[in-house]
Amino acid sequence: MEAILLAITIFLTTLTLIFAYIAYTERKKRERALATLRLNRPKEEKISQKIDNTKLLARALSLIREGIVVMDPYGRIIFTNKFARELLDIHPEDIGKFFYQAIRNFDVISMINESFNEKYRAWQEKKIKDKYVQIIFGSDMDEKVLLLIDLTPIKKYENLKKDFIANVSHELKTPVAAMKLSLETLQEECKDKPEAEKFLRKAIERVNYMEQLIEDLITLSMLESANFPVRKTKIKLKPFVERVIRDLSEFIEKKGIAIKLNIPEEVWINVDEKMFHAIMKNLIDNAIKYNKEGGEVTVGFRDLVRETEIYVCDTGPGIPKSHIPFIFERFYRVERSRSRKLGGTGLGLSIVKLAIERLKGKVEVESEEGKGTCFKIYLPKS
């Protein structure tokens, strides 16, 4: 009997130990599971937060009025915002396709192809649909980005400003002409009154300045107008330049300027006569105005392979290098007081640059202080 009781006791003790071990093991498993859960929770929260941030960034980029197209290193589109999709006709299902499959604008595709392996490239404004945009392309090892900057509001403002200036200039032309005529009549009547004639002479000088300013503004507005056509005709260069010089003969004689022409007799050029007259008149006029007393102005011609070069050089004080990048801007003057005294409006070189651009040419400036300035214009032969 005692043996049976001992066996039962040992069995129960063993069973208790087994259950205690199982309970201990299960508790440890639960503790490990809880510890793992605590460790994983911040990671899950970070992943969730990252997803939320990505969505937030995508929403923000869709609200801006600039177009963004992000591509992988091979040119497959991985992100576009709303503005870019609308402008380039990219559909949601085009994500993952190559840019030349997704973008439905041949000019933009060509621009990307041209600069695909470059780090940075920017183009001047381009009209796409009803928008004026500047296109910028940049790339690094991981992504390539196409940026479309909307210039439409700026363009509208510029057009309004141009229209306003053109309208005001035309409206002022008649009253200024009437004022000039009245002052000249008064001057005739006051010949025997030196003091009155002196004031009238100054008034006429200011009216002449206003008249020239209005003429320059009208010329600028015509050159900027898309409706102002370029009508190219063949003209004989030397007689044309001689005619411009004759029109400025009063100023040439007043300053004692010597004019030198290096133009062969039988040179013909294909240009718009009105535009070319504005170019040569302003360049020669400036070369006379800003020259020294008894100086020299040289007008010459060089026949290049694809272009025609025409240059106007003077022996004046020259232009400081720091001013050269700005001289074609409107109303920019190197020496304001001297320019006003000489009757300059600050628009002559703006007219020159714009007229040359309309003729598909370019202009360059070489100047050395104390020695003079040389303007070179290059016009295509065709």
Protein backbone atom coordinates (compact mmCIF):
# COMPACT_ATOMS: atom_id res chain seq x y z
CA MET A 1 0.00 0.00 0.00
CA GLU A 2 2.79 2.39 0.90
CA ALA A 3 4.46 1.60 -2.39
CA ILE A 4 1.29 2.51 -4.26
CA LEU A 5 0.93 5.80 -2.36
CA LEU A 6 4.60 6.64 -3.10
CA ALA A 7 4.11 5.94 -6.78
CA ILE A 8 1.00 8.11 -6.89
CA THR A 9 2.87 10.93 -5.07
CA ILE A 10 5.79 10.73 -7.51
CA PHE A 11 3.39 10.73 -10.48
CA LEU A 12 1.50 13.77 -9.20
CA THR A 13 4.75 15.59 -8.43
CA THR A 14 6.06 14.85 -11.94
CA LEU A 15 2.76 15.97 -13.49
CA THR A 16 2.88 19.19 -11.46
CA LEU A 17 6.44 19.86 -12.63
CA ILE A 18 5.46 19.19 -16.24
CA PHE A 19 2.51 21.65 -16.03
CA ALA A 20 4.74 24.21 -14.30
CA TYR A 21 7.32 23.88 -17.10
CA ILE A 22 4.64 24.23 -19.79
CA ALA A 23 3.22 27.33 -18.03
CA TYR A 24 6.72 28.83 -17.70
CA THR A 25 7.46 28.18 -21.41
CA GLU A 26 4.17 29.71 -22.52
CA ARG A 27 4.79 32.78 -20.36
CA LYS A 28 8.22 33.26 -21.93
CA LYS A 29 6.73 32.94 -25.43
CA ARG A 30 4.13 35.59 -24.60
CA GLU A 31 6.83 37.91 -23.21
CA ARG A 32 8.96 37.46 -26.36
CA ALA A 33 5.90 38.09 -28.58
CA LEU A 34 5.06 41.27 -26.65
CA ALA A 35 8.66 42.46 -26.87
CA THR A 36 8.70 41.83 -30.65
CA LEU A 37 5.40 43.67 -31.01
CA ARG A 38 6.75 46.67 -29.08
CA LEU A 39 9.85 46.73 -31.28
CA ASN A 40 7.88 46.51 -34.56
CA ARG A 41 5.25 49.10 -33.66
CA PRO A 42 7.54 52.19 -34.16
CA LYS A 43 8.67 50.78 -37.53
CA GLU A 44 5.08 50.31 -38.66
CA GLU A 45 4.25 53.81 -37.45
CA LYS A 46 7.24 55.21 -39.35
CA ILE A 47 6.22 53.36 -42.54
CA SER A 48 2.66 54.63 -42.18
CA GLN A 49 3.93 58.15 -41.53
CA LYS A 50 6.22 57.91 -44.57
CA ILE A 51 3.29 56.84 -46.76
CA ASP A 52 1.20 59.72 -45.41
CA ASN A 53 4.04 62.21 -46.05
CA THR A 54 4.44 60.96 -49.64
CA LYS A 55 0.71 61.39 -50.28
CA LEU A 56 0.81 64.84 -48.71
CA LEU A 57 3.78 65.88 -50.88
CA ALA A 58 2.03 64.58 -54.02
CA ARG A 59 -1.09 66.58 -53.14
CA ALA A 60 0.96 69.72 -52.49
CA LEU A 61 2.82 69.38 -55.82
CA SER A 62 -0.49 68.98 -57.64
CA LEU A 63 -1.69 72.33 -56.31
CA ILE A 64 1.24 74.45 -57.54
CA ARG A 65 1.11 76.25 -60.91
CA GLU A 66 4.36 74.73 -62.13
CA GLY A 67 4.66 71.45 -64.03
CA ILE A 68 6.87 68.65 -62.65
CA VAL A 69 7.73 65.40 -64.43
CA VAL A 70 10.11 63.03 -62.59
CA MET A 71 11.79 60.20 -64.52
CA ASP A 72 14.13 57.37 -63.58
CA PRO A 73 17.67 57.28 -65.08
CA TYR A 74 16.31 55.43 -68.16
CA GLY A 75 13.57 57.99 -68.90
CA ARG A 76 10.57 56.15 -67.48
CA ILE A 77 8.05 58.48 -65.82
CA ILE A 78 7.65 57.88 -62.08
CA PHE A 79 5.76 61.02 -61.05
CA THR A 80 3.81 63.89 -62.62
CA ASN A 81 1.73 66.63 -61.04
CA LYS A 82 -1.62 67.95 -62.27
CA PHE A 83 -0.26 70.97 -64.18
CA ALA A 84 2.23 68.83 -66.15
CA ARG A 85 -0.40 66.18 -66.93
CA GLU A 86 -2.83 68.78 -68.29
CA LEU A 87 -0.19 70.65 -70.30
CA LEU A 88 1.56 67.60 -71.82
CA ASP A 89 -1.52 65.33 -72.07
CA ILE A 90 -0.04 62.67 -69.78
CA HIS A 91 -2.63 60.12 -68.62
CA PRO A 92 -2.57 58.37 -65.19
CA GLU A 93 -1.93 55.01 -66.88
CA ASP A 94 1.22 56.47 -68.53
CA ILE A 95 3.17 56.27 -65.25
CA GLY A 96 5.95 53.76 -65.81
CA LYS A 97 6.15 54.39 -69.54
CA PHE A 98 9.08 56.10 -71.28
CA PHE A 99 8.73 59.88 -71.66
CA TYR A 100 8.48 59.67 -75.46
CA GLN A 101 5.49 57.32 -75.06
CA ALA A 102 3.70 59.36 -72.39
CA ILE A 103 4.31 62.99 -73.44
CA ARG A 104 2.19 64.12 -76.39
CA ASN A 105 4.18 67.18 -77.43
CA PHE A 106 6.89 66.62 -80.03
CA ASP A 107 8.86 69.80 -79.19
CA VAL A 108 9.13 68.85 -75.50
CA ILE A 109 10.20 65.29 -76.41
CA SER A 110 12.90 66.75 -78.70
CA MET A 111 14.13 69.06 -75.91
CA ILE A 112 14.40 66.14 -73.45
CA ASN A 113 16.26 64.06 -76.07
CA GLU A 114 18.72 66.90 -76.69
CA SER A 115 19.61 67.28 -73.01
CA PHE A 116 19.02 63.74 -71.69
CA ASN A 117 22.66 63.26 -70.63
CA GLU A 118 23.20 66.83 -69.43
CA LYS A 119 23.04 67.90 -65.78
CA TYR A 120 21.11 71.12 -66.47
CA ARG A 121 19.50 72.79 -69.46
CA ALA A 122 17.06 75.71 -69.69
CA TRP A 123 15.11 77.01 -72.68
CA GLN A 124 13.49 80.37 -73.30
CA GLU A 125 9.71 80.73 -73.14
CA LYS A 126 7.66 78.43 -75.33
CA LYS A 127 3.93 78.40 -76.01
CA ILE A 128 2.22 75.09 -75.21
CA LYS A 129 -1.55 75.11 -75.70
CA ASP A 130 -2.69 78.44 -74.19
CA LYS A 131 0.27 78.76 -71.78
CA TYR A 132 3.66 80.41 -72.06
CA VAL A 133 6.19 78.28 -70.15
CA GLN A 134 9.90 78.15 -69.53
CA ILE A 135 11.24 74.60 -69.73
CA ILE A 136 14.08 73.42 -67.46
CA PHE A 137 15.60 69.93 -67.50
CA GLY A 138 17.91 68.62 -64.76
CA SER A 139 19.33 65.21 -63.90
CA ASP A 140 21.53 63.31 -61.45
CA MET A 141 22.39 59.64 -60.91
CA ASP A 142 18.93 58.69 -59.58
CA GLU A 143 16.33 60.89 -61.27
CA LYS A 144 15.73 63.23 -64.17
CA VAL A 145 13.34 66.15 -63.68
CA LEU A 146 11.44 68.25 -66.21
CA LEU A 147 10.20 71.56 -64.80
CA LEU A 148 7.61 73.74 -66.59
CA ILE A 149 7.43 77.29 -65.20
CA ASP A 150 4.21 79.13 -66.07
CA LEU A 151 5.05 82.58 -67.50
CA THR A 152 1.51 83.32 -68.77
CA PRO A 153 0.63 85.98 -66.12
CA ILE A 154 3.95 87.79 -66.73
CA LYS A 155 3.40 87.61 -70.50
CA LYS A 156 -0.11 89.06 -70.15
CA TYR A 157 1.25 91.91 -68.01
CA GLU A 158 4.00 92.63 -70.56
CA ASN A 159 1.47 92.69 -73.40
CA LEU A 160 -0.78 95.07 -71.46
CA LYS A 161 2.20 97.32 -70.76
CA LYS A 162 3.26 97.31 -74.42
CA ASP A 163 -0.29 98.10 -75.56
CA PHE A 164 -0.54 100.92 -73.04
CA ILE A 165 2.78 102.47 -74.16
CA ALA A 166 1.80 102.15 -77.83
CA ASN A 167 -1.61 103.77 -77.28
CA VAL A 168 -0.22 106.60 -75.13
CA SER A 169 2.54 107.29 -77.67
CA HIS A 170 0.05 107.58 -80.52
CA GLU A 171 -2.24 109.81 -78.46
CA LEU A 172 0.63 112.15 -77.50
CA LYS A 173 2.06 112.48 -81.00
CA THR A 174 -0.51 115.03 -82.28
CA PRO A 175 -0.56 117.40 -79.26
CA VAL A 176 3.26 117.42 -79.07
CA ALA A 177 3.47 118.30 -82.79
CA ALA A 178 0.94 121.13 -82.23
CA MET A 179 2.94 122.38 -79.23
CA LYS A 180 6.14 122.39 -81.29
CA LEU A 181 4.49 124.35 -84.09
CA SER A 182 3.16 126.94 -81.60
CA LEU A 183 6.58 127.36 -79.96
CA GLU A 184 8.31 127.77 -83.32
CA THR A 185 5.76 130.42 -84.28
CA LEU A 186 6.38 132.24 -81.00
CA GLN A 187 10.12 132.03 -81.56
CA GLU A 188 9.71 133.78 -84.92
CA GLU A 189 7.71 136.52 -83.19
CA CYS A 190 10.32 136.98 -80.42
CA LYS A 191 13.45 137.41 -82.55
CA ASP A 192 13.92 140.92 -81.20
CA LYS A 193 13.56 139.70 -77.58
CA PRO A 194 16.72 137.71 -76.73
CA GLU A 195 15.58 136.67 -73.24
CA ALA A 196 12.24 135.32 -74.46
CA GLU A 197 13.90 133.60 -77.45
CA LYS A 198 16.36 131.88 -75.10
CA PHE A 199 13.52 130.33 -73.05
CA LEU A 200 11.62 129.38 -76.19
CA ARG A 201 14.72 127.69 -77.62
CA LYS A 202 15.03 125.57 -74.45
CA ALA A 203 11.33 124.72 -74.61
CA ILE A 204 11.68 123.65 -78.26
CA GLU A 205 14.66 121.44 -77.33
CA ARG A 206 12.54 119.67 -74.69
CA VAL A 207 9.63 119.27 -77.15
CA ASN A 208 12.09 117.81 -79.71
CA TYR A 209 13.22 115.34 -77.04
CA MET A 210 9.60 114.38 -76.32
CA GLU A 211 8.90 114.01 -80.04
CA GLN A 212 11.92 111.72 -80.47
CA LEU A 213 10.91 109.69 -77.39
CA ILE A 214 7.39 109.20 -78.78
CA GLU A 215 8.78 108.15 -82.18
CA ASP A 216 11.10 105.62 -80.50
CA LEU A 217 8.25 104.20 -78.39
CA ILE A 218 6.07 103.81 -81.50
CA THR A 219 8.95 102.09 -83.34
CA LEU A 220 9.47 99.71 -80.41
CA SER A 221 5.77 98.85 -80.20
CA MET A 222 5.68 98.15 -83.96
CA LEU A 223 8.75 95.90 -83.77
CA GLU A 224 7.24 93.98 -80.84
CA SER A 225 3.91 93.50 -82.56
CA ALA A 226 3.33 90.07 -84.09
CA ASN A 227 1.19 91.81 -86.73
CA PHE A 228 4.12 93.91 -87.95
CA PRO A 229 5.44 91.91 -90.93
CA VAL A 230 9.06 91.52 -92.03
CA ARG A 231 9.22 92.38 -95.73
CA LYS A 232 12.69 91.64 -97.04
CA THR A 233 13.94 93.30 -100.20
CA LYS A 234 17.36 93.58 -101.81
CA ILE A 235 19.02 96.95 -101.23
CA LYS A 236 22.38 98.32 -102.32
CA LEU A 237 24.28 98.88 -99.06
CA LYS A 238 26.57 101.82 -99.79
CA PRO A 239 23.95 104.27 -101.20
CA PHE A 240 21.60 103.28 -98.35
CA VAL A 241 24.22 104.11 -95.67
CA GLU A 242 25.13 107.35 -97.48
CA ARG A 243 21.47 108.39 -97.34
CA VAL A 244 21.35 107.77 -93.57
CA ILE A 245 24.54 109.83 -93.14
CA ARG A 246 23.05 112.71 -95.17
CA ASP A 247 20.04 112.75 -92.82
CA LEU A 248 22.46 113.20 -89.89
CA SER A 249 24.74 115.70 -91.66
CA GLU A 250 23.74 118.59 -89.36
CA PHE A 251 25.06 116.76 -86.27
CA ILE A 252 28.14 115.52 -88.16
CA GLU A 253 29.13 119.06 -89.13
CA LYS A 254 28.36 120.43 -85.67
CA LYS A 255 30.86 118.03 -84.02
CA GLY A 256 33.36 118.00 -86.90
CA ILE A 257 33.12 114.21 -87.29
CA ALA A 258 34.93 112.50 -90.16
CA ILE A 259 32.93 109.65 -91.74
CA LYS A 260 34.80 106.73 -93.28
CA LEU A 261 32.99 104.11 -95.41
CA ASN A 262 34.59 100.69 -95.95
CA ILE A 263 31.79 99.34 -98.15
CA PRO A 264 32.39 98.06 -101.71
CA GLU A 265 30.20 99.60 -104.42
CA GLU A 266 28.46 96.42 -105.55
CA VAL A 267 27.27 95.02 -102.20
CA TRP A 268 23.62 94.06 -101.96
CA ILE A 269 21.87 92.77 -98.81
CA ASN A 270 18.47 91.19 -98.26
CA VAL A 271 16.69 93.02 -95.39
CA ASP A 272 13.49 94.77 -94.37
CA GLU A 273 14.24 98.36 -95.42
CA LYS A 274 12.38 100.07 -92.54
CA MET A 275 13.97 97.88 -89.88
CA PHE A 276 17.45 98.19 -91.38
CA HIS A 277 17.04 101.99 -91.56
CA ALA A 278 16.17 102.05 -87.83
CA ILE A 279 19.28 99.93 -87.07
CA MET A 280 21.74 102.02 -89.07
CA LYS A 281 20.23 105.38 -88.06
CA ASN A 282 20.49 104.58 -84.34
CA LEU A 283 24.00 103.09 -84.54
CA ILE A 284 25.44 105.95 -86.62
CA ASP A 285 23.55 108.56 -84.55
CA ASN A 286 25.04 107.11 -81.33
CA ALA A 287 28.52 106.95 -82.89
CA ILE A 288 28.23 110.71 -83.64
CA LYS A 289 26.61 111.78 -80.35
CA TYR A 290 29.01 109.95 -78.05
CA ASN A 291 32.12 110.70 -80.07
CA LYS A 292 34.74 113.30 -79.25
CA GLU A 293 34.91 116.62 -81.10
CA GLY A 294 36.66 116.04 -84.44
CA GLY A 295 36.43 112.26 -83.99
CA GLU A 296 35.91 109.59 -86.61
CA VAL A 297 33.06 107.18 -87.41
CA THR A 298 33.74 104.12 -89.58
CA VAL A 299 30.98 102.12 -91.23
CA GLY A 300 32.17 98.92 -92.85
CA PHE A 301 31.19 95.59 -94.40
CA ARG A 302 32.63 92.07 -94.28
CA ASP A 303 31.40 89.12 -96.31
CA LEU A 304 31.44 85.97 -94.15
CA VAL A 305 30.58 82.37 -95.10
CA ARG A 306 26.98 82.29 -93.89
CA GLU A 307 26.50 85.86 -92.67
CA THR A 308 26.98 89.46 -93.61
CA GLU A 309 28.83 91.59 -91.05
CA ILE A 310 28.21 95.34 -90.88
CA TYR A 311 30.07 97.37 -88.27
CA VAL A 312 29.86 100.93 -86.94
CA CYS A 313 32.88 102.08 -84.95
CA ASP A 314 33.64 105.40 -83.25
CA THR A 315 36.60 107.05 -81.51
CA GLY A 316 34.66 108.15 -78.44
CA PRO A 317 35.35 107.55 -74.74
CA GLY A 318 34.23 103.90 -74.89
CA ILE A 319 31.87 101.99 -72.61
CA PRO A 320 33.01 100.57 -69.25
CA LYS A 321 32.90 96.75 -69.26
CA SER A 322 30.51 96.68 -66.29
CA HIS A 323 27.88 98.55 -68.37
CA ILE A 324 28.08 96.49 -71.59
CA PRO A 325 25.63 93.71 -70.50
CA PHE A 326 22.92 96.33 -69.86
CA ILE A 327 23.23 98.78 -72.76
CA PHE A 328 20.44 97.14 -74.81
CA GLU A 329 17.92 97.53 -71.98
CA ARG A 330 15.27 100.21 -72.35
CA PHE A 331 16.11 103.65 -70.91
CA TYR A 332 19.54 102.43 -69.79
CA ARG A 333 22.22 105.11 -69.99
CA VAL A 334 25.91 104.80 -69.22
CA GLU A 335 26.07 108.50 -68.27
CA ARG A 336 22.54 109.77 -67.63
CA SER A 337 23.29 113.49 -67.50
CA ARG A 338 25.45 113.42 -70.64
CA SER A 339 22.92 111.32 -72.55
CA ARG A 340 20.03 113.68 -71.73
CA LYS A 341 22.16 116.69 -72.68
CA LEU A 342 22.88 115.11 -76.07
CA GLY A 343 19.20 114.35 -76.64
CA GLY A 344 19.35 110.57 -76.17
CA THR A 345 16.12 108.78 -75.21
CA GLY A 346 17.74 105.58 -73.94
CA LEU A 347 15.75 103.51 -76.46
CA GLY A 348 18.02 103.54 -79.52
CA LEU A 349 19.96 100.36 -78.76
CA SER A 350 16.78 98.56 -77.64
CA ILE A 351 15.35 99.31 -81.09
CA VAL A 352 18.58 98.08 -82.73
CA LYS A 353 18.56 94.77 -80.84
CA LEU A 354 14.85 94.11 -81.43
CA ALA A 355 15.06 94.95 -85.15
CA ILE A 356 18.10 92.70 -85.62
CA GLU A 357 16.32 89.84 -83.83
CA ARG A 358 13.30 90.28 -86.13
CA LEU A 359 15.72 89.95 -89.07
CA LYS A 360 17.11 86.70 -87.51
CA GLY A 361 20.48 88.33 -86.88
CA LYS A 362 22.61 89.17 -83.85
CA VAL A 363 24.58 92.14 -82.49
CA GLU A 364 27.92 92.26 -80.68
CA VAL A 365 29.76 95.08 -78.91
CA GLU A 366 33.48 95.68 -78.55
CA SER A 367 34.61 98.66 -76.52
CA GLU A 368 37.77 99.97 -74.89
CA GLU A 369 37.68 102.92 -72.56
CA GLY A 370 39.49 105.91 -74.02
CA LYS A 371 39.68 104.38 -77.52
CA GLY A 372 36.12 103.88 -78.75
CA THR A 373 33.29 101.45 -79.36
CA CYS A 374 32.46 99.12 -82.23
CA PHE A 375 28.99 97.64 -82.84
CA LYS A 376 28.93 94.62 -85.16
CA ILE A 377 25.71 93.27 -86.63
CA TYR A 378 25.47 89.87 -88.29
CA LEU A 379 22.64 89.21 -90.74
CA PRO A 380 21.90 85.88 -92.48
CA LYS A 381 22.51 85.86 -96.23
CA SER A 382 19.26 84.08 -97.10
